Amino acid sequence: MTALNFRHSSKETWSLLKKLGGKQHTRRVETSISPNQVANHIVNVSRMPSKKRHTNQIRKRFRDLKKECTQIYELSAPYSVAEITTALKGLKPGKAAGSDGMHPEFLINCGPNTRRWLSKFYTDIQQSGTLPPEFRKSKIIAIVKPGKSNDRPENYRPIALFSVCYKLLERIIYNRIRPIILNIIPVEQAGFRPGRSCSDQVFSLTIYIEAGFQNRLKTAAVFIDLTAAHDTVWRHGLLYKLLQTIRYRNTV
């Protein structure tokens, strides 16, 4: 039991606990659909049609707004080794590799020479504004949604495994723009924020309901669940909104 260490590797710890419990949770489940059927559904969802005229208008606004953007030194400065080191601390060991087969541990345990090379590599990407082709590739794993049957393609949730080098770049960029983002996001938003969670919203709703009871008022709540929300994000519109918020050319 002295080998249990959640801080070092929670995956190994949970695996050992399951073995000690004598229960095997892994089992093979047969399904009547093929991987190609699931893949075709995912592709079709991501290619949902949009209004061409409106799309062209947003693209033009994006190009015009991009010309007006100015350089911000804090965002355009070369990436330092210190930034690389900080971002590496955010990588979690034990995660699956992307299409390149590289695991997070390879970068987490890299030495000073590799970190200096990474700082130059990512700086070149920022200044050129072009991602390497390998960063655009991902390994897609389809997982059945909780409580759904496995015989329908729409019941599978796609999980994209990107290159760990790409994930590291995302972390570096996020660390730079985070101070700007935190000043823009409404204080009411709890999701996707450090130190906040959905529990905050549950607590706030509970307070509103209790206050309503005390004042003999009714409280109404609206819950929206968007089907395939992540898979159908309009990228051009999202980039346009991002550029409106952070008026910096290279970040976008």
Protein backbone atom coordinates (compact mmCIF):
# COMPACT_ATOMS: atom_id res chain seq x y z
CA MET A 1 0.00 0.00 0.00
CA THR A 2 2.99 2.30 0.33
CA ALA A 3 3.14 2.48 -3.48
CA LEU A 4 -0.15 4.40 -3.68
CA ASN A 5 0.54 7.94 -4.82
CA PHE A 6 -2.27 9.96 -6.42
CA ARG A 7 0.00 12.96 -7.02
CA HIS A 8 2.50 10.92 -9.02
CA SER A 9 0.15 8.77 -11.09
CA SER A 10 -3.55 8.52 -10.26
CA LYS A 11 -4.00 6.09 -13.18
CA GLU A 12 -1.64 3.51 -11.66
CA THR A 13 -3.16 4.02 -8.22
CA TRP A 14 -6.74 3.42 -9.36
CA SER A 15 -5.59 0.40 -11.36
CA LEU A 16 -4.02 -1.10 -8.25
CA LEU A 17 -7.12 -0.38 -6.14
CA LYS A 18 -9.34 -2.14 -8.69
CA LYS A 19 -7.08 -5.20 -8.61
CA LEU A 20 -7.15 -5.27 -4.81
CA GLY A 21 -10.94 -5.05 -4.91
CA GLY A 22 -11.11 -8.14 -7.10
CA LYS A 23 -13.55 -6.54 -9.55
CA GLN A 24 -12.85 -6.36 -13.26
CA HIS A 25 -14.79 -3.47 -14.82
CA THR A 26 -13.47 -3.88 -18.35
CA ARG A 27 -15.64 -5.94 -20.65
CA ARG A 28 -16.05 -6.23 -24.39
CA VAL A 29 -19.42 -5.07 -25.70
CA GLU A 30 -20.64 -6.12 -29.13
CA THR A 31 -22.30 -3.54 -31.39
CA SER A 32 -24.17 -3.79 -34.68
CA ILE A 33 -22.63 -0.69 -36.27
CA SER A 34 -19.17 -0.32 -37.80
CA PRO A 35 -16.50 2.28 -37.02
CA ASN A 36 -17.02 3.76 -40.50
CA GLN A 37 -20.67 4.47 -39.71
CA VAL A 38 -19.69 6.41 -36.61
CA ALA A 39 -16.93 8.23 -38.52
CA ASN A 40 -19.30 9.21 -41.34
CA HIS A 41 -21.81 10.58 -38.82
CA ILE A 42 -19.13 12.68 -37.12
CA VAL A 43 -18.01 14.09 -40.48
CA ASN A 44 -21.58 14.90 -41.55
CA VAL A 45 -22.31 16.70 -38.28
CA SER A 46 -19.20 18.88 -38.62
CA ARG A 47 -20.23 19.79 -42.18
CA MET A 48 -23.66 21.12 -41.34
CA PRO A 49 -24.69 23.79 -43.89
CA SER A 50 -24.69 27.48 -42.98
CA LYS A 51 -26.07 30.60 -44.62
CA LYS A 52 -23.52 31.42 -47.32
CA ARG A 53 -24.32 35.13 -47.50
CA HIS A 54 -23.98 35.62 -43.76
CA THR A 55 -20.78 33.55 -43.71
CA ASN A 56 -19.21 35.72 -46.42
CA GLN A 57 -20.18 38.88 -44.52
CA ILE A 58 -18.50 37.65 -41.34
CA ARG A 59 -15.38 36.62 -43.25
CA LYS A 60 -15.13 40.10 -44.76
CA ARG A 61 -15.62 41.76 -41.37
CA PHE A 62 -12.94 39.48 -39.98
CA ARG A 63 -10.43 40.47 -42.68
CA ASP A 64 -11.22 44.17 -42.26
CA LEU A 65 -10.97 44.04 -38.48
CA LYS A 66 -7.71 42.09 -38.67
CA LYS A 67 -6.12 44.95 -40.64
CA GLU A 68 -7.02 47.37 -37.86
CA CYS A 69 -5.42 45.26 -35.13
CA THR A 70 -2.16 46.42 -33.60
CA GLN A 71 0.78 44.53 -32.17
CA ILE A 72 0.87 44.08 -28.39
CA TYR A 73 4.38 43.37 -27.17
CA GLU A 74 3.24 41.32 -24.18
CA LEU A 75 1.51 38.94 -26.59
CA SER A 76 3.94 39.06 -29.51
CA ALA A 77 7.22 38.73 -27.58
CA PRO A 78 9.29 35.56 -28.19
CA TYR A 79 8.38 32.68 -25.91
CA SER A 80 10.84 32.28 -23.07
CA VAL A 81 12.19 29.11 -21.49
CA ALA A 82 10.40 30.12 -18.29
CA GLU A 83 7.07 30.12 -20.15
CA ILE A 84 7.85 26.68 -21.56
CA THR A 85 8.67 25.38 -18.07
CA THR A 86 5.45 26.80 -16.60
CA ALA A 87 3.36 25.28 -19.40
CA LEU A 88 5.07 21.89 -18.98
CA LYS A 89 3.93 21.83 -15.36
CA GLY A 90 0.36 21.97 -16.66
CA LEU A 91 0.74 18.79 -18.73
CA LYS A 92 -0.75 15.73 -17.04
CA PRO A 93 1.17 12.42 -17.17
CA GLY A 94 -0.56 9.21 -18.12
CA LYS A 95 -2.63 10.77 -20.89
CA ALA A 96 -3.06 9.13 -24.30
CA ALA A 97 -0.77 10.09 -27.18
CA GLY A 98 -1.93 11.77 -30.37
CA SER A 99 -1.42 10.61 -33.95
CA ASP A 100 2.35 11.14 -33.60
CA GLY A 101 2.58 8.59 -30.76
CA MET A 102 4.27 11.04 -28.37
CA HIS A 103 3.22 10.84 -24.71
CA PRO A 104 3.25 13.82 -22.29
CA GLU A 105 6.05 12.25 -20.23
CA PHE A 106 8.45 12.78 -23.15
CA LEU A 107 8.14 16.56 -22.82
CA ILE A 108 7.54 16.71 -19.07
CA ASN A 109 10.96 15.14 -18.45
CA CYS A 110 12.85 17.01 -21.17
CA GLY A 111 16.06 18.87 -20.31
CA PRO A 112 17.13 22.52 -20.70
CA ASN A 113 18.38 22.09 -24.28
CA THR A 114 15.02 20.73 -25.42
CA ARG A 115 13.18 23.54 -23.62
CA ARG A 116 15.32 26.15 -25.37
CA TRP A 117 14.57 24.46 -28.69
CA LEU A 118 10.84 24.44 -27.90
CA SER A 119 10.90 28.17 -27.11
CA LYS A 120 12.42 28.90 -30.52
CA PHE A 121 10.11 26.42 -32.26
CA TYR A 122 6.94 27.97 -30.82
CA THR A 123 8.22 31.50 -31.42
CA ASP A 124 8.71 30.67 -35.11
CA ILE A 125 5.13 29.37 -35.26
CA GLN A 126 3.81 32.56 -33.67
CA GLN A 127 5.73 34.89 -35.97
CA SER A 128 4.82 32.96 -39.12
CA GLY A 129 1.19 32.47 -38.08
CA THR A 130 1.26 28.94 -39.52
CA LEU A 131 0.74 25.68 -37.65
CA PRO A 132 2.74 22.58 -38.64
CA PRO A 133 0.59 20.06 -40.58
CA GLU A 134 1.02 17.47 -37.80
CA PHE A 135 -0.68 19.83 -35.34
CA ARG A 136 -3.85 19.71 -37.46
CA LYS A 137 -4.10 15.93 -37.25
CA SER A 138 -5.78 14.06 -34.43
CA LYS A 139 -6.73 10.53 -33.47
CA ILE A 140 -10.49 10.26 -32.98
CA ILE A 141 -11.82 7.87 -30.33
CA ALA A 142 -15.61 7.34 -30.25
CA ILE A 143 -17.12 6.66 -26.82
CA VAL A 144 -20.76 5.78 -26.15
CA LYS A 145 -22.58 8.54 -24.28
CA PRO A 146 -23.76 7.62 -20.76
CA GLY A 147 -27.15 5.94 -20.77
CA LYS A 148 -27.26 5.63 -24.57
CA SER A 149 -27.41 2.48 -26.69
CA ASN A 150 -24.36 1.55 -28.77
CA ASP A 151 -26.28 0.71 -31.95
CA ARG A 152 -26.78 4.29 -33.21
CA PRO A 153 -23.94 6.49 -34.57
CA GLU A 154 -25.35 9.67 -32.99
CA ASN A 155 -24.98 8.12 -29.53
CA TYR A 156 -21.18 8.25 -29.72
CA ARG A 157 -19.11 11.16 -28.45
CA PRO A 158 -15.89 11.81 -30.43
CA ILE A 159 -12.74 12.39 -28.38
CA ALA A 160 -9.90 14.01 -30.34
CA LEU A 161 -6.34 13.14 -29.29
CA PHE A 162 -4.02 15.86 -30.55
CA SER A 163 -0.24 16.00 -30.53
CA VAL A 164 1.14 16.76 -27.07
CA CYS A 165 3.33 19.45 -28.69
CA TYR A 166 0.15 21.14 -29.90
CA LYS A 167 -1.40 20.89 -26.43
CA LEU A 168 1.71 22.50 -24.97
CA LEU A 169 1.41 25.41 -27.42
CA GLU A 170 -2.24 25.85 -26.43
CA ARG A 171 -1.20 26.03 -22.78
CA ILE A 172 1.50 28.61 -23.53
CA ILE A 173 -0.91 30.85 -25.46
CA TYR A 174 -3.57 30.48 -22.78
CA ASN A 175 -1.14 31.52 -20.05
CA ARG A 176 -0.39 34.70 -22.00
CA ILE A 177 -3.95 35.76 -22.78
CA ARG A 178 -5.41 34.58 -19.47
CA PRO A 179 -5.05 37.98 -17.68
CA ILE A 180 -6.95 39.63 -20.54
CA ILE A 181 -9.65 36.96 -20.65
CA LEU A 182 -10.32 37.01 -16.90
CA ASN A 183 -11.04 40.76 -17.08
CA ILE A 184 -13.52 40.25 -19.92
CA ILE A 185 -15.50 37.17 -18.83
CA PRO A 186 -18.63 38.14 -16.85
CA VAL A 187 -18.35 37.46 -13.14
CA GLU A 188 -21.53 35.35 -13.37
CA GLN A 189 -19.79 32.77 -15.59
CA ALA A 190 -18.49 29.81 -13.60
CA GLY A 191 -17.68 27.29 -16.33
CA PHE A 192 -14.16 27.01 -17.76
CA ARG A 193 -12.71 29.30 -15.09
CA PRO A 194 -10.01 28.48 -12.54
CA GLY A 195 -11.38 28.01 -9.06
CA ARG A 196 -14.98 27.94 -10.30
CA SER A 197 -17.34 25.12 -11.27
CA CYS A 198 -20.97 24.27 -12.02
CA SER A 199 -21.50 23.97 -8.27
CA ASP A 200 -21.26 27.77 -8.10
CA GLN A 201 -24.29 28.09 -10.38
CA VAL A 202 -26.23 25.50 -8.37
CA PHE A 203 -25.47 27.47 -5.21
CA SER A 204 -26.53 30.77 -6.83
CA LEU A 205 -29.78 29.24 -8.09
CA THR A 206 -30.50 27.84 -4.63
CA ILE A 207 -30.01 31.29 -3.09
CA TYR A 208 -32.42 32.83 -5.62
CA ILE A 209 -35.04 30.16 -4.91
CA GLU A 210 -34.74 30.59 -1.14
CA ALA A 211 -34.99 34.37 -1.47
CA GLY A 212 -38.10 33.91 -3.59
CA PHE A 213 -39.73 31.69 -0.96
CA GLN A 214 -39.08 34.28 1.72
CA ASN A 215 -40.64 37.03 -0.41
CA ARG A 216 -43.48 34.84 -1.74
CA LEU A 217 -42.08 35.02 -5.27
CA LYS A 218 -41.72 32.36 -7.93
CA THR A 219 -38.37 31.49 -9.50
CA ALA A 220 -38.11 30.23 -13.08
CA ALA A 221 -35.04 28.52 -14.53
CA VAL A 222 -34.25 27.69 -18.15
CA PHE A 223 -31.86 24.84 -18.98
CA ILE A 224 -30.54 24.49 -22.53
CA ASP A 225 -28.80 21.39 -23.84
CA LEU A 226 -27.36 21.91 -27.33
CA THR A 227 -26.98 18.71 -29.34
CA ALA A 228 -23.43 18.24 -30.71
CA ALA A 229 -22.58 21.78 -29.56
CA HIS A 230 -18.81 21.32 -29.69
CA ASP A 231 -18.88 19.52 -33.05
CA THR A 232 -20.94 22.24 -34.74
CA VAL A 233 -19.07 25.34 -33.55
CA TRP A 234 -18.94 27.93 -36.33
CA ARG A 235 -15.18 28.53 -36.48
CA HIS A 236 -15.25 31.70 -38.58
CA GLY A 237 -17.80 33.30 -36.27
CA LEU A 238 -15.84 32.21 -33.20
CA LEU A 239 -12.60 33.69 -34.57
CA TYR A 240 -14.41 36.92 -35.39
CA LYS A 241 -15.71 37.21 -31.82
CA LEU A 242 -12.26 36.41 -30.47
CA LEU A 243 -10.71 39.15 -32.61
CA GLN A 244 -13.36 41.59 -31.40
CA THR A 245 -12.39 40.76 -27.82
CA ILE A 246 -8.60 40.51 -28.16
CA ARG A 247 -7.61 42.92 -30.91
CA TYR A 248 -4.31 41.27 -31.63
CA ARG A 249 -3.55 39.83 -35.05
CA ASN A 250 -1.08 37.03 -34.27
CA THR A 251 -3.07 35.47 -31.43
CA VAL A 252 -5.93 34.71 -33.80
